């Protein structure tokens, strides 16, 4: 049964779009346990539902400010309890983390530590442009250093084969594919791009 954690080398890099595409490709459910930045009425859960039609499990926590979970919770006057962040069981699942690998969940817990507790394989979403080599290798080392099972790398952006090959060579991580930026982003175009650029068997 396919169950993956999706994280990234940073924020606003295409992680949620990739997560939606993976849901569409595999038929998995979607879950983002902590959603921040909801004050404008948008959410990653809504985006994934729109782009994939996947079953969406509600977040455990939602905070209005577009900040890391630890700070967004503090400003909302709430206490975030990591013990409540338990993935839904017995279903194919795409679980998306907030922001990057080392985003704080609380003042004493980082995202990568939470992923290690879950024990699910991690897909790291990386950009393809300038700066991605250092960002990606740093994120890979952070995941491995905290005991996460790195399933592979999913790149998002323009084709840059040397950057991708360099990251793969230094890390030894598997490259799962590259999702190009789509001129028109909708459910049909995203599924077509995922089918073309990724192998569903890699997520079986």
N, C-alpha and C. Protein backbone atom coordinates (compact mmCIF):
# COMPACT_ATOMS: atom_id res chain seq x y z
N UNK A 1 0.85 -1.20 0.00
CA UNK A 1 0.00 0.00 0.00
C UNK A 1 0.88 1.24 0.00
N UNK A 2 0.66 2.14 -0.95
CA UNK A 2 1.50 3.32 -1.12
C UNK A 2 1.19 4.37 -0.05
N UNK A 3 2.18 4.68 0.76
CA UNK A 3 2.05 5.70 1.80
C UNK A 3 3.35 6.50 1.83
N UNK A 4 3.27 7.78 1.53
CA UNK A 4 4.47 8.60 1.41
C UNK A 4 4.31 9.93 2.13
N UNK A 5 5.43 10.42 2.63
CA UNK A 5 5.52 11.79 3.14
C UNK A 5 6.14 12.64 2.04
N UNK A 6 5.55 13.80 1.79
CA UNK A 6 6.09 14.74 0.82
C UNK A 6 6.63 15.95 1.57
N UNK A 7 7.91 16.21 1.38
CA UNK A 7 8.52 17.40 1.96
C UNK A 7 9.34 18.08 0.88
N UNK A 8 9.93 19.22 1.22
CA UNK A 8 10.64 19.97 0.19
C UNK A 8 11.89 20.63 0.72
N UNK A 9 12.65 21.20 -0.21
CA UNK A 9 13.86 21.93 0.15
C UNK A 9 13.54 23.33 0.64
N UNK A 10 12.29 23.73 0.56
CA UNK A 10 11.87 25.05 1.01
C UNK A 10 10.38 25.21 0.78
N UNK A 11 9.91 26.43 0.89
CA UNK A 11 8.49 26.69 0.69
C UNK A 11 8.28 27.31 -0.68
N UNK A 12 7.05 27.19 -1.19
CA UNK A 12 6.68 27.76 -2.49
C UNK A 12 7.55 27.22 -3.63
N UNK A 13 7.80 25.92 -3.62
CA UNK A 13 8.63 25.34 -4.68
C UNK A 13 7.85 24.39 -5.57
N UNK A 14 6.57 24.20 -5.29
CA UNK A 14 5.76 23.28 -6.09
C UNK A 14 5.44 21.99 -5.38
N UNK A 15 5.68 21.94 -4.08
CA UNK A 15 5.47 20.72 -3.31
C UNK A 15 4.00 20.29 -3.29
N UNK A 16 3.10 21.24 -3.09
CA UNK A 16 1.68 20.90 -3.03
C UNK A 16 1.16 20.44 -4.38
N UNK A 17 1.61 21.08 -5.45
CA UNK A 17 1.20 20.65 -6.79
C UNK A 17 1.69 19.23 -7.05
N UNK A 18 2.94 18.95 -6.67
CA UNK A 18 3.43 17.58 -6.84
C UNK A 18 2.61 16.61 -6.00
N UNK A 19 2.29 16.98 -4.76
CA UNK A 19 1.49 16.10 -3.91
C UNK A 19 0.14 15.81 -4.55
N UNK A 20 -0.48 16.84 -5.13
CA UNK A 20 -1.75 16.64 -5.83
C UNK A 20 -1.57 15.69 -7.00
N UNK A 21 -0.48 15.88 -7.74
CA UNK A 21 -0.21 15.00 -8.87
C UNK A 21 0.01 13.57 -8.45
N UNK A 22 0.69 13.38 -7.32
CA UNK A 22 0.93 12.03 -6.83
C UNK A 22 -0.38 11.37 -6.38
N UNK A 23 -1.25 12.14 -5.77
CA UNK A 23 -2.58 11.61 -5.42
C UNK A 23 -3.32 11.16 -6.67
N UNK A 24 -3.27 11.99 -7.70
CA UNK A 24 -3.96 11.64 -8.95
C UNK A 24 -3.34 10.41 -9.60
N UNK A 25 -2.02 10.31 -9.55
CA UNK A 25 -1.31 9.20 -10.19
C UNK A 25 -1.55 7.88 -9.47
N UNK A 26 -1.57 7.92 -8.14
CA UNK A 26 -1.62 6.68 -7.35
C UNK A 26 -3.00 6.37 -6.77
N UNK A 27 -3.88 7.36 -6.77
CA UNK A 27 -5.18 7.16 -6.14
C UNK A 27 -5.14 7.28 -4.63
N UNK A 28 -4.05 7.85 -4.10
CA UNK A 28 -3.90 7.98 -2.66
C UNK A 28 -4.73 9.11 -2.07
N UNK A 29 -5.05 8.99 -0.80
CA UNK A 29 -5.68 10.08 -0.05
C UNK A 29 -4.63 11.16 0.25
N UNK A 30 -5.11 12.34 0.60
CA UNK A 30 -4.21 13.45 0.94
C UNK A 30 -4.45 13.88 2.37
N UNK A 31 -3.34 14.23 3.04
CA UNK A 31 -3.44 14.71 4.42
C UNK A 31 -2.30 15.67 4.70
N UNK A 32 -2.64 16.87 5.14
CA UNK A 32 -1.65 17.82 5.63
C UNK A 32 -2.00 18.10 7.09
N UNK A 33 -1.25 17.54 8.02
CA UNK A 33 -1.67 17.59 9.43
C UNK A 33 -1.70 18.97 10.04
N UNK A 34 -0.78 19.85 9.59
CA UNK A 34 -0.75 21.22 10.11
C UNK A 34 -0.79 22.18 8.93
N UNK A 35 -1.85 22.96 8.86
CA UNK A 35 -2.02 23.93 7.77
C UNK A 35 -1.94 25.34 8.34
N UNK A 36 -1.01 26.12 7.82
CA UNK A 36 -0.91 27.52 8.23
C UNK A 36 -1.26 28.43 7.05
N UNK A 37 -1.48 29.70 7.34
CA UNK A 37 -1.77 30.66 6.29
C UNK A 37 -3.18 30.56 5.74
N UNK A 38 -4.14 30.26 6.60
CA UNK A 38 -5.52 30.08 6.13
C UNK A 38 -6.36 31.35 6.22
N UNK A 39 -5.76 32.47 6.61
CA UNK A 39 -6.54 33.69 6.85
C UNK A 39 -7.21 34.22 5.59
N UNK A 40 -6.66 33.88 4.41
CA UNK A 40 -7.26 34.38 3.16
C UNK A 40 -8.25 33.39 2.57
N UNK A 41 -8.55 32.32 3.30
CA UNK A 41 -9.54 31.35 2.84
C UNK A 41 -9.00 30.25 1.97
N UNK A 42 -7.71 30.28 1.67
CA UNK A 42 -7.11 29.24 0.85
C UNK A 42 -6.44 28.21 1.74
N UNK A 43 -6.18 27.05 1.17
CA UNK A 43 -5.44 26.01 1.89
C UNK A 43 -4.89 25.02 0.88
N UNK A 44 -3.83 24.33 1.27
CA UNK A 44 -3.27 23.31 0.39
C UNK A 44 -4.25 22.16 0.19
N UNK A 45 -5.05 21.87 1.20
CA UNK A 45 -6.05 20.81 1.06
C UNK A 45 -7.04 21.14 -0.05
N UNK A 46 -7.47 22.39 -0.14
CA UNK A 46 -8.39 22.81 -1.20
C UNK A 46 -7.72 22.71 -2.56
N UNK A 47 -6.44 23.10 -2.62
CA UNK A 47 -5.70 23.02 -3.87
C UNK A 47 -5.60 21.59 -4.36
N UNK A 48 -5.26 20.68 -3.45
CA UNK A 48 -5.12 19.27 -3.82
C UNK A 48 -6.46 18.69 -4.25
N UNK A 49 -7.52 19.02 -3.56
CA UNK A 49 -8.84 18.55 -3.94
C UNK A 49 -9.20 19.01 -5.34
N UNK A 50 -8.92 20.28 -5.64
CA UNK A 50 -9.22 20.85 -6.95
C UNK A 50 -8.40 20.19 -8.05
N UNK A 51 -7.13 19.92 -7.77
CA UNK A 51 -6.23 19.42 -8.82
C UNK A 51 -6.23 17.91 -8.97
N UNK A 52 -6.76 17.20 -7.99
CA UNK A 52 -6.69 15.74 -8.06
C UNK A 52 -8.01 15.03 -7.85
N UNK A 53 -8.93 15.67 -7.12
CA UNK A 53 -10.16 14.98 -6.75
C UNK A 53 -9.97 13.94 -5.68
N UNK A 54 -8.79 13.95 -5.05
CA UNK A 54 -8.48 12.94 -4.03
C UNK A 54 -9.34 13.13 -2.79
N UNK A 55 -9.49 12.06 -2.04
CA UNK A 55 -10.10 12.17 -0.71
C UNK A 55 -9.12 12.92 0.18
N UNK A 56 -9.61 13.96 0.83
CA UNK A 56 -8.76 14.82 1.66
C UNK A 56 -9.14 14.64 3.12
N UNK A 57 -8.16 14.25 3.93
CA UNK A 57 -8.38 14.16 5.37
C UNK A 57 -8.15 15.54 5.99
N UNK A 58 -8.98 15.97 6.89
CA UNK A 58 -8.85 17.33 7.44
C UNK A 58 -7.58 17.47 8.28
N UNK A 59 -7.01 18.67 8.29
CA UNK A 59 -5.84 18.92 9.15
C UNK A 59 -6.19 18.74 10.62
N UNK A 60 -5.20 18.39 11.41
CA UNK A 60 -5.38 18.33 12.86
C UNK A 60 -5.37 19.75 13.42
N UNK A 61 -4.51 20.59 12.85
CA UNK A 61 -4.41 21.99 13.27
C UNK A 61 -4.45 22.90 12.05
N UNK A 62 -5.12 24.04 12.19
CA UNK A 62 -5.12 25.10 11.18
C UNK A 62 -4.89 26.43 11.88
N UNK A 63 -3.98 27.22 11.31
CA UNK A 63 -3.65 28.52 11.89
C UNK A 63 -3.68 29.58 10.80
N UNK A 64 -4.16 30.79 11.12
CA UNK A 64 -4.33 31.81 10.08
C UNK A 64 -3.04 32.39 9.53
N UNK A 65 -2.02 32.54 10.36
CA UNK A 65 -0.80 33.22 9.91
C UNK A 65 0.05 32.31 9.02
N UNK A 66 0.59 32.85 7.91
CA UNK A 66 1.43 32.05 7.00
C UNK A 66 2.86 31.94 7.53
N UNK A 67 3.02 31.21 8.61
CA UNK A 67 4.30 31.06 9.29
C UNK A 67 4.55 29.58 9.56
N UNK A 68 5.74 29.27 10.07
CA UNK A 68 6.02 27.89 10.46
C UNK A 68 5.06 27.48 11.57
N UNK A 69 4.74 26.20 11.66
CA UNK A 69 3.71 25.76 12.61
C UNK A 69 3.95 26.21 14.05
N UNK A 70 5.20 26.17 14.50
CA UNK A 70 5.46 26.51 15.91
C UNK A 70 5.07 27.95 16.21
N UNK A 71 5.40 28.86 15.29
CA UNK A 71 5.11 30.27 15.51
C UNK A 71 3.64 30.60 15.23
N UNK A 72 3.08 29.99 14.20
CA UNK A 72 1.67 30.22 13.89
C UNK A 72 0.78 29.78 15.05
N UNK A 73 1.14 28.67 15.68
CA UNK A 73 0.38 28.19 16.84
C UNK A 73 0.48 29.16 18.00
N UNK A 74 1.69 29.65 18.26
CA UNK A 74 1.88 30.59 19.36
C UNK A 74 1.07 31.86 19.17
N UNK A 75 1.08 32.40 17.95
CA UNK A 75 0.35 33.63 17.69
C UNK A 75 -1.16 33.42 17.75
N UNK A 76 -1.59 32.19 17.51
CA UNK A 76 -3.02 31.87 17.61
C UNK A 76 -3.43 31.54 19.03
N UNK A 77 -2.45 31.53 19.95
CA UNK A 77 -2.75 31.23 21.34
C UNK A 77 -3.06 29.76 21.59
N UNK A 78 -2.52 28.89 20.73
CA UNK A 78 -2.79 27.46 20.88
C UNK A 78 -1.50 26.70 21.16
N UNK A 79 -1.65 25.53 21.73
CA UNK A 79 -0.53 24.63 21.96
C UNK A 79 -0.64 23.45 21.01
N UNK A 80 0.37 23.27 20.19
CA UNK A 80 0.37 22.19 19.20
C UNK A 80 0.93 20.93 19.86
N UNK A 81 0.14 19.89 19.90
CA UNK A 81 0.54 18.63 20.53
C UNK A 81 0.95 17.63 19.45
N UNK A 82 2.25 17.33 19.30
CA UNK A 82 2.70 16.40 18.26
C UNK A 82 2.09 15.01 18.38
N UNK A 83 1.69 14.61 19.58
CA UNK A 83 1.10 13.28 19.77
C UNK A 83 -0.21 13.12 19.00
N UNK A 84 -0.83 14.24 18.65
CA UNK A 84 -2.08 14.19 17.89
C UNK A 84 -1.84 14.07 16.38
N UNK A 85 -0.61 14.24 15.95
CA UNK A 85 -0.29 14.22 14.52
C UNK A 85 0.00 12.79 14.08
N UNK A 86 -1.04 12.00 14.04
CA UNK A 86 -0.93 10.58 13.70
C UNK A 86 -1.58 10.36 12.33
N UNK A 87 -0.83 9.83 11.36
CA UNK A 87 -1.39 9.65 10.02
C UNK A 87 -2.59 8.70 10.01
N UNK A 88 -3.58 8.97 9.15
CA UNK A 88 -4.67 8.02 8.97
C UNK A 88 -4.12 6.65 8.58
N UNK A 89 -4.73 5.60 9.09
CA UNK A 89 -4.20 4.26 8.85
C UNK A 89 -5.00 3.52 7.79
N UNK A 90 -4.36 2.49 7.24
CA UNK A 90 -5.02 1.53 6.36
C UNK A 90 -5.56 2.14 5.06
N UNK A 91 -4.97 3.23 4.62
CA UNK A 91 -5.34 3.80 3.32
C UNK A 91 -4.07 4.24 2.60
N UNK A 92 -4.05 4.14 1.26
CA UNK A 92 -2.95 4.77 0.52
C UNK A 92 -2.95 6.26 0.84
N UNK A 93 -1.78 6.82 1.11
CA UNK A 93 -1.75 8.17 1.67
C UNK A 93 -0.59 8.98 1.13
N UNK A 94 -0.87 10.24 0.84
CA UNK A 94 0.15 11.24 0.54
C UNK A 94 0.05 12.28 1.65
N UNK A 95 1.03 12.28 2.55
CA UNK A 95 1.04 13.20 3.69
C UNK A 95 2.04 14.31 3.41
N UNK A 96 1.57 15.54 3.39
CA UNK A 96 2.45 16.68 3.07
C UNK A 96 2.85 17.43 4.33
N UNK A 97 4.14 17.62 4.48
CA UNK A 97 4.64 18.42 5.59
C UNK A 97 4.54 19.90 5.29
N UNK A 98 4.66 20.71 6.32
CA UNK A 98 4.63 22.17 6.16
C UNK A 98 6.02 22.67 5.81
N UNK A 99 6.13 23.38 4.69
CA UNK A 99 7.42 23.97 4.33
C UNK A 99 8.49 22.94 4.07
N UNK A 100 9.71 23.23 4.56
CA UNK A 100 10.85 22.38 4.28
C UNK A 100 11.14 21.36 5.36
N UNK A 101 12.24 20.66 5.16
CA UNK A 101 12.62 19.51 5.99
C UNK A 101 12.80 19.88 7.46
N UNK A 102 13.39 21.04 7.72
CA UNK A 102 13.72 21.41 9.09
C UNK A 102 12.83 22.52 9.65
N UNK A 103 11.62 22.63 9.14
CA UNK A 103 10.66 23.58 9.70
C UNK A 103 10.24 23.11 11.09
N UNK A 104 10.24 24.00 12.09
CA UNK A 104 9.82 23.59 13.43
C UNK A 104 8.31 23.33 13.51
N UNK A 105 7.97 22.20 14.10
CA UNK A 105 6.57 21.91 14.41
C UNK A 105 6.22 22.52 15.77
N UNK A 106 7.11 22.33 16.72
CA UNK A 106 7.03 22.98 18.03
C UNK A 106 8.42 23.53 18.35
N UNK A 107 8.58 24.08 19.53
CA UNK A 107 9.89 24.62 19.92
C UNK A 107 10.95 23.54 20.14
N UNK A 108 10.52 22.28 20.18
CA UNK A 108 11.51 21.21 20.37
C UNK A 108 11.32 20.03 19.42
N UNK A 109 10.63 20.26 18.29
CA UNK A 109 10.42 19.19 17.31
C UNK A 109 10.45 19.76 15.90
N UNK A 110 11.33 19.21 15.06
CA UNK A 110 11.42 19.61 13.66
C UNK A 110 10.60 18.66 12.79
N UNK A 111 10.26 19.12 11.59
CA UNK A 111 9.47 18.29 10.68
C UNK A 111 10.12 16.94 10.43
N UNK A 112 11.42 16.93 10.19
CA UNK A 112 12.11 15.66 9.90
C UNK A 112 12.01 14.69 11.07
N UNK A 113 12.01 15.20 12.28
CA UNK A 113 11.85 14.33 13.45
C UNK A 113 10.47 13.68 13.46
N UNK A 114 9.47 14.45 13.06
CA UNK A 114 8.11 13.92 12.98
C UNK A 114 8.01 12.84 11.91
N UNK A 115 8.64 13.10 10.75
CA UNK A 115 8.62 12.10 9.67
C UNK A 115 9.27 10.80 10.12
N UNK A 116 10.36 10.91 10.86
CA UNK A 116 11.04 9.71 11.35
C UNK A 116 10.13 8.92 12.29
N UNK A 117 9.36 9.61 13.11
CA UNK A 117 8.42 8.92 14.00
C UNK A 117 7.37 8.15 13.20
N UNK A 118 6.90 8.75 12.12
CA UNK A 118 5.88 8.09 11.31
C UNK A 118 6.41 6.82 10.63
N UNK A 119 7.68 6.84 10.25
CA UNK A 119 8.28 5.68 9.61
C UNK A 119 7.85 5.46 8.17
N UNK A 120 7.25 6.47 7.55
CA UNK A 120 6.83 6.36 6.15
C UNK A 120 7.95 6.84 5.23
N UNK A 121 8.07 6.25 4.03
CA UNK A 121 9.08 6.72 3.09
C UNK A 121 8.83 8.17 2.68
N UNK A 122 9.93 8.92 2.52
CA UNK A 122 9.86 10.35 2.25
C UNK A 122 10.26 10.65 0.81
N UNK A 123 9.45 11.44 0.14
CA UNK A 123 9.81 11.98 -1.17
C UNK A 123 10.18 13.44 -0.98
N UNK A 124 11.39 13.78 -1.39
CA UNK A 124 11.88 15.16 -1.27
C UNK A 124 11.67 15.89 -2.58
N UNK A 125 10.90 16.97 -2.54
CA UNK A 125 10.66 17.80 -3.72
C UNK A 125 11.73 18.88 -3.79
N UNK A 126 12.40 18.95 -4.95
CA UNK A 126 13.52 19.87 -5.15
C UNK A 126 13.25 20.73 -6.38
N UNK A 127 13.76 21.94 -6.37
CA UNK A 127 13.72 22.76 -7.57
C UNK A 127 14.86 22.34 -8.49
N UNK A 128 14.89 22.93 -9.68
CA UNK A 128 15.93 22.56 -10.65
C UNK A 128 16.92 23.69 -10.92
N UNK A 129 16.64 24.89 -10.44
CA UNK A 129 17.43 26.06 -10.81
C UNK A 129 18.60 26.35 -9.90
N UNK A 130 19.10 27.56 -10.00
CA UNK A 130 20.27 28.00 -9.25
C UNK A 130 20.06 27.84 -7.75
N UNK A 131 21.02 27.23 -7.08
CA UNK A 131 20.95 27.05 -5.64
C UNK A 131 20.43 25.70 -5.21
N UNK A 132 19.88 24.94 -6.15
CA UNK A 132 19.23 23.69 -5.74
C UNK A 132 20.22 22.62 -5.31
N UNK A 133 21.45 22.65 -5.80
CA UNK A 133 22.40 21.60 -5.42
C UNK A 133 22.65 21.63 -3.92
N UNK A 134 23.01 22.80 -3.40
CA UNK A 134 23.28 22.91 -1.97
C UNK A 134 22.02 22.67 -1.15
N UNK A 135 20.92 23.28 -1.56
CA UNK A 135 19.67 23.12 -0.81
C UNK A 135 19.24 21.66 -0.75
N UNK A 136 19.34 20.97 -1.88
CA UNK A 136 18.89 19.58 -1.94
C UNK A 136 19.79 18.66 -1.15
N UNK A 137 21.11 18.82 -1.30
CA UNK A 137 22.04 17.96 -0.56
C UNK A 137 21.93 18.18 0.94
N UNK A 138 21.72 19.44 1.33
CA UNK A 138 21.54 19.73 2.76
C UNK A 138 20.28 19.06 3.30
N UNK A 139 19.19 19.14 2.54
CA UNK A 139 17.94 18.52 2.97
C UNK A 139 18.07 17.00 3.04
N UNK A 140 18.75 16.42 2.07
CA UNK A 140 18.95 14.96 2.06
C UNK A 140 19.73 14.53 3.30
N UNK A 141 20.80 15.25 3.61
CA UNK A 141 21.59 14.90 4.80
C UNK A 141 20.77 15.06 6.08
N UNK A 142 19.94 16.09 6.13
CA UNK A 142 19.10 16.30 7.31
C UNK A 142 18.11 15.15 7.49
N UNK A 143 17.50 14.72 6.41
CA UNK A 143 16.54 13.61 6.49
C UNK A 143 17.23 12.33 6.95
N UNK A 144 18.34 12.02 6.32
CA UNK A 144 19.04 10.78 6.67
C UNK A 144 19.60 10.85 8.10
N UNK A 145 20.08 12.02 8.48
CA UNK A 145 20.66 12.16 9.81
C UNK A 145 19.64 12.00 10.92
N UNK A 146 18.36 12.19 10.59
CA UNK A 146 17.31 12.04 11.59
C UNK A 146 16.54 10.74 11.45
N UNK A 147 17.09 9.84 10.64
CA UNK A 147 16.51 8.50 10.55
C UNK A 147 15.33 8.36 9.63
N UNK A 148 15.15 9.31 8.70
CA UNK A 148 14.04 9.21 7.75
C UNK A 148 14.43 8.28 6.59
N UNK A 149 13.46 7.56 6.08
CA UNK A 149 13.68 6.68 4.93
C UNK A 149 13.42 7.48 3.66
N UNK A 150 14.48 7.89 2.98
CA UNK A 150 14.34 8.69 1.77
C UNK A 150 13.99 7.79 0.59
N UNK A 151 12.79 7.95 0.07
CA UNK A 151 12.34 7.13 -1.06
C UNK A 151 12.95 7.62 -2.37
N UNK A 152 13.06 8.93 -2.52
CA UNK A 152 13.62 9.46 -3.74
C UNK A 152 13.36 10.95 -3.88
N UNK A 153 13.82 11.49 -5.01
CA UNK A 153 13.75 12.92 -5.28
C UNK A 153 12.78 13.18 -6.42
N UNK A 154 11.92 14.17 -6.24
CA UNK A 154 11.02 14.64 -7.29
C UNK A 154 11.37 16.09 -7.58
N UNK A 155 11.80 16.35 -8.80
CA UNK A 155 12.18 17.71 -9.17
C UNK A 155 10.99 18.43 -9.79
N UNK A 156 10.93 19.73 -9.55
CA UNK A 156 9.87 20.57 -10.13
C UNK A 156 10.54 21.77 -10.78
N UNK A 157 10.25 21.99 -12.06
CA UNK A 157 10.81 23.14 -12.74
C UNK A 157 11.34 22.79 -14.11
N UNK A 158 12.06 23.75 -14.70
CA UNK A 158 12.62 23.57 -16.03
C UNK A 158 13.68 22.48 -16.04
N UNK A 159 13.88 21.89 -17.20
CA UNK A 159 14.87 20.82 -17.33
C UNK A 159 16.27 21.38 -17.12
N UNK A 160 16.98 20.82 -16.17
CA UNK A 160 18.37 21.22 -15.88
C UNK A 160 19.11 19.94 -15.53
N UNK A 161 19.47 19.16 -16.55
CA UNK A 161 19.99 17.82 -16.30
C UNK A 161 21.28 17.78 -15.49
N UNK A 162 22.14 18.80 -15.61
CA UNK A 162 23.38 18.75 -14.84
C UNK A 162 23.12 18.92 -13.35
N UNK A 163 22.25 19.85 -12.98
CA UNK A 163 21.91 20.01 -11.56
C UNK A 163 21.32 18.72 -10.99
N UNK A 164 20.41 18.12 -11.74
CA UNK A 164 19.77 16.89 -11.28
C UNK A 164 20.80 15.76 -11.14
N UNK A 165 21.65 15.62 -12.15
CA UNK A 165 22.66 14.56 -12.12
C UNK A 165 23.67 14.77 -10.99
N UNK A 166 24.03 16.02 -10.73
CA UNK A 166 24.99 16.32 -9.67
C UNK A 166 24.43 15.97 -8.30
N UNK A 167 23.18 16.34 -8.07
CA UNK A 167 22.54 16.00 -6.80
C UNK A 167 22.46 14.49 -6.62
N UNK A 168 22.08 13.79 -7.68
CA UNK A 168 21.98 12.34 -7.61
C UNK A 168 23.34 11.70 -7.34
N UNK A 169 24.38 12.21 -7.99
CA UNK A 169 25.72 11.63 -7.84
C UNK A 169 26.26 11.81 -6.43
N UNK A 170 26.11 13.00 -5.88
CA UNK A 170 26.65 13.26 -4.54
C UNK A 170 25.84 12.56 -3.45
N UNK A 171 24.54 12.43 -3.65
CA UNK A 171 23.67 11.88 -2.60
C UNK A 171 23.42 10.39 -2.72
N UNK A 172 23.50 9.88 -3.94
CA UNK A 172 23.12 8.49 -4.17
C UNK A 172 21.63 8.27 -4.11
N UNK A 173 20.86 9.35 -4.06
CA UNK A 173 19.40 9.23 -3.98
C UNK A 173 18.81 8.95 -5.36
N UNK A 174 17.70 8.26 -5.36
CA UNK A 174 17.02 7.94 -6.61
C UNK A 174 16.25 9.16 -7.12
N UNK A 175 16.38 9.43 -8.40
CA UNK A 175 15.60 10.48 -9.04
C UNK A 175 14.32 9.85 -9.58
N UNK A 176 13.19 10.27 -9.04
CA UNK A 176 11.91 9.70 -9.43
C UNK A 176 11.36 10.32 -10.70
N UNK A 177 11.71 11.58 -10.96
CA UNK A 177 11.22 12.26 -12.14
C UNK A 177 11.25 13.76 -11.95
N UNK A 178 10.78 14.45 -12.99
CA UNK A 178 10.74 15.92 -12.95
C UNK A 178 9.39 16.39 -13.47
N UNK A 179 8.71 17.19 -12.67
CA UNK A 179 7.44 17.78 -13.08
C UNK A 179 7.70 19.17 -13.63
N UNK A 180 7.47 19.40 -14.92
CA UNK A 180 7.70 20.74 -15.47
C UNK A 180 6.63 21.72 -15.00
N UNK A 181 6.96 23.00 -15.05
CA UNK A 181 5.94 24.02 -14.80
C UNK A 181 4.94 23.98 -15.94
N UNK A 182 3.68 23.91 -15.60
CA UNK A 182 2.65 23.75 -16.62
C UNK A 182 2.03 25.09 -16.97
N UNK A 183 1.95 25.43 -18.27
CA UNK A 183 1.36 26.71 -18.66
C UNK A 183 -0.11 26.82 -18.25
N UNK A 184 -0.78 25.69 -18.23
CA UNK A 184 -2.16 25.65 -17.74
C UNK A 184 -2.25 24.54 -16.71
N UNK A 185 -2.52 24.92 -15.48
CA UNK A 185 -2.55 23.94 -14.40
C UNK A 185 -3.99 23.60 -14.04
N UNK A 186 -4.39 22.39 -14.37
CA UNK A 186 -5.69 21.88 -13.97
C UNK A 186 -5.57 20.37 -13.76
N UNK A 187 -6.67 19.75 -13.43
CA UNK A 187 -6.62 18.33 -13.09
C UNK A 187 -6.11 17.48 -14.25
N UNK A 188 -6.60 17.75 -15.44
CA UNK A 188 -6.22 16.94 -16.60
C UNK A 188 -4.75 17.13 -16.97
N UNK A 189 -4.30 18.39 -17.00
CA UNK A 189 -2.91 18.65 -17.40
C UNK A 189 -1.93 18.12 -16.37
N UNK A 190 -2.29 18.19 -15.10
CA UNK A 190 -1.39 17.69 -14.06
C UNK A 190 -1.26 16.17 -14.13
N UNK A 191 -2.37 15.48 -14.28
CA UNK A 191 -2.30 14.02 -14.37
C UNK A 191 -1.53 13.60 -15.61
N UNK A 192 -1.73 14.30 -16.72
CA UNK A 192 -1.00 13.96 -17.94
C UNK A 192 0.50 14.15 -17.75
N UNK A 193 0.89 15.23 -17.08
CA UNK A 193 2.31 15.49 -16.84
C UNK A 193 2.91 14.46 -15.89
N UNK A 194 2.19 14.11 -14.85
CA UNK A 194 2.68 13.10 -13.91
C UNK A 194 2.83 11.75 -14.60
N UNK A 195 1.88 11.40 -15.43
CA UNK A 195 1.93 10.12 -16.14
C UNK A 195 3.11 10.08 -17.11
N UNK A 196 3.41 11.22 -17.72
CA UNK A 196 4.52 11.29 -18.68
C UNK A 196 5.88 11.28 -18.00
N UNK A 197 6.00 11.94 -16.86
CA UNK A 197 7.32 12.18 -16.27
C UNK A 197 7.65 11.31 -15.05
N UNK A 198 6.68 10.56 -14.56
CA UNK A 198 6.90 9.68 -13.42
C UNK A 198 6.35 8.29 -13.72
N UNK A 199 6.92 7.28 -13.08
CA UNK A 199 6.48 5.90 -13.25
C UNK A 199 5.67 5.51 -12.01
N UNK A 200 4.42 5.19 -12.21
CA UNK A 200 3.55 4.86 -11.08
C UNK A 200 4.09 3.67 -10.30
N UNK A 201 4.84 2.79 -10.95
CA UNK A 201 5.40 1.63 -10.26
C UNK A 201 6.43 2.02 -9.21
N UNK A 202 7.02 3.20 -9.35
CA UNK A 202 7.97 3.68 -8.34
C UNK A 202 7.27 4.04 -7.03
N UNK A 203 5.95 4.12 -7.08
CA UNK A 203 5.18 4.49 -5.89
C UNK A 203 4.22 3.37 -5.47
N UNK A 204 4.49 2.17 -5.96
CA UNK A 204 3.61 1.03 -5.64
C UNK A 204 3.85 0.53 -4.22
